[in-house]
Amino acid sequence: MSVVTESVDIGQMITRTPGIKGGTPHIAGTGVTVRTLVRLYQMGMSPEEIAADYPHIALGQVYAALAYYHANRCQMDTEMAADDAESNRLEQEHLRMTAAKA
């Protein structure tokens, strides 16, 4: 007895949609960004652990996100560094405003 499985076009697993997550690459059909999964992976989580934390995402989608990152590493690292810098700037601004009110 053989099992027939549907093949998946991995090229359709990651998408950029204007207006969704600022147009950053994300798992198609979800709001989970490649950046989010890459950061978890960089913190030491395995793809299996990441998929377990996001039960609506299949393990293959996690691997597709990691493959996308590695194929576009320079661009992704630049975008992630810019996001980190903006986040740090906003945090510092908030701290200054909070200190000024005290």
Protein backbone atom coordinates (compact mmCIF):
# COMPACT_ATOMS: atom_id res chain seq x y z
CA MET A 1 0.00 0.00 0.00
CA SER A 2 1.48 3.34 -1.02
CA VAL A 3 0.59 6.70 0.44
CA VAL A 4 0.03 9.56 -1.98
CA THR A 5 1.15 12.90 -0.67
CA GLU A 6 0.71 16.31 -2.18
CA SER A 7 3.95 18.04 -3.09
CA VAL A 8 4.59 21.54 -1.80
CA ASP A 9 6.17 24.34 -3.81
CA ILE A 10 8.60 25.76 -1.26
CA GLY A 11 8.90 28.91 -3.33
CA GLN A 12 5.36 29.77 -2.23
CA MET A 13 6.04 29.33 1.51
CA ILE A 14 7.65 32.75 2.08
CA THR A 15 6.11 35.95 0.80
CA ARG A 16 6.35 39.73 1.05
CA THR A 17 2.99 41.46 1.08
CA PRO A 18 2.74 45.25 1.12
CA GLY A 19 0.73 46.27 4.16
CA ILE A 20 1.42 43.08 6.09
CA LYS A 21 4.24 43.32 8.60
CA GLY A 22 5.65 46.30 6.74
CA GLY A 23 6.29 44.18 3.67
CA THR A 24 8.89 42.06 5.46
CA PRO A 25 9.21 38.42 4.44
CA HIS A 26 6.81 36.19 6.34
CA ILE A 27 5.37 32.71 6.28
CA ALA A 28 2.60 32.79 3.66
CA GLY A 29 -0.84 32.81 5.20
CA THR A 30 0.44 33.86 8.63
CA GLY A 31 1.72 36.97 10.30
CA VAL A 32 4.91 35.26 11.44
CA THR A 33 7.96 36.96 9.97
CA VAL A 34 11.12 35.27 8.81
CA ARG A 35 12.95 37.69 11.11
CA THR A 36 11.08 36.38 14.16
CA LEU A 37 11.96 32.77 13.40
CA VAL A 38 15.59 33.64 12.58
CA ARG A 39 16.01 35.46 15.89
CA LEU A 40 14.68 32.45 17.80
CA TYR A 41 17.07 30.21 15.86
CA GLN A 42 19.98 32.57 16.59
CA MET A 43 19.11 32.41 20.30
CA GLY A 44 19.69 28.66 20.16
CA MET A 45 16.26 27.18 19.51
CA SER A 46 16.11 24.27 17.10
CA PRO A 47 13.68 24.35 14.17
CA GLU A 48 11.68 21.65 15.97
CA GLU A 49 11.43 23.80 19.12
CA ILE A 50 10.37 26.82 17.08
CA ALA A 51 7.65 24.81 15.32
CA ALA A 52 6.44 23.52 18.70
CA ASP A 53 6.14 27.12 19.96
CA TYR A 54 4.15 28.09 16.85
CA PRO A 55 1.73 25.17 16.40
CA HIS A 56 0.05 26.83 13.40
CA ILE A 57 3.37 26.66 11.51
CA ALA A 58 4.71 23.41 10.09
CA LEU A 59 8.31 22.36 10.57
CA GLY A 60 8.85 22.70 6.81
CA GLN A 61 7.79 26.34 7.02
CA VAL A 62 10.40 26.99 9.72
CA TYR A 63 13.07 25.43 7.52
CA ALA A 64 11.82 27.47 4.54
CA ALA A 65 12.18 30.65 6.62
CA LEU A 66 15.72 29.69 7.64
CA ALA A 67 16.60 28.85 4.03
CA TYR A 68 15.21 32.22 2.92
CA TYR A 69 17.34 33.94 5.54
CA HIS A 70 20.52 32.15 4.51
CA ALA A 71 19.85 32.81 0.82
CA ASN A 72 19.31 36.53 1.56
CA ARG A 73 21.56 36.87 4.60
CA CYS A 74 23.22 40.20 3.77
CA GLN A 75 19.91 41.94 3.08
CA MET A 76 18.18 40.33 6.07
CA ASP A 77 21.03 41.18 8.45
CA THR A 78 20.96 44.79 7.26
CA GLU A 79 17.17 45.01 7.75
CA MET A 80 17.37 43.35 11.18
CA ALA A 81 20.14 45.72 12.30
CA ALA A 82 18.07 48.72 11.17
CA ASP A 83 15.06 47.38 13.09
CA ASP A 84 17.22 46.91 16.20
CA ALA A 85 18.61 50.44 15.90
CA GLU A 86 15.12 51.92 15.56
CA SER A 87 13.88 49.88 18.52
CA ASN A 88 16.81 51.07 20.63
CA ARG A 89 16.21 54.67 19.56
CA LEU A 90 12.54 54.47 20.55
CA GLU A 91 13.41 52.87 23.88
CA GLN A 92 15.93 55.60 24.67
CA GLU A 93 13.42 58.28 23.70
CA HIS A 94 10.82 56.70 25.97
CA LEU A 95 13.31 56.53 28.86
CA ARG A 96 14.23 60.21 28.38
CA MET A 97 10.56 61.23 28.36
CA THR A 98 9.84 59.12 31.45
CA ALA A 99 12.83 60.62 33.30
CA ALA A 100 11.76 64.16 32.34
CA LYS A 101 8.28 63.57 33.82
CA ALA A 102 9.72 62.30 37.12
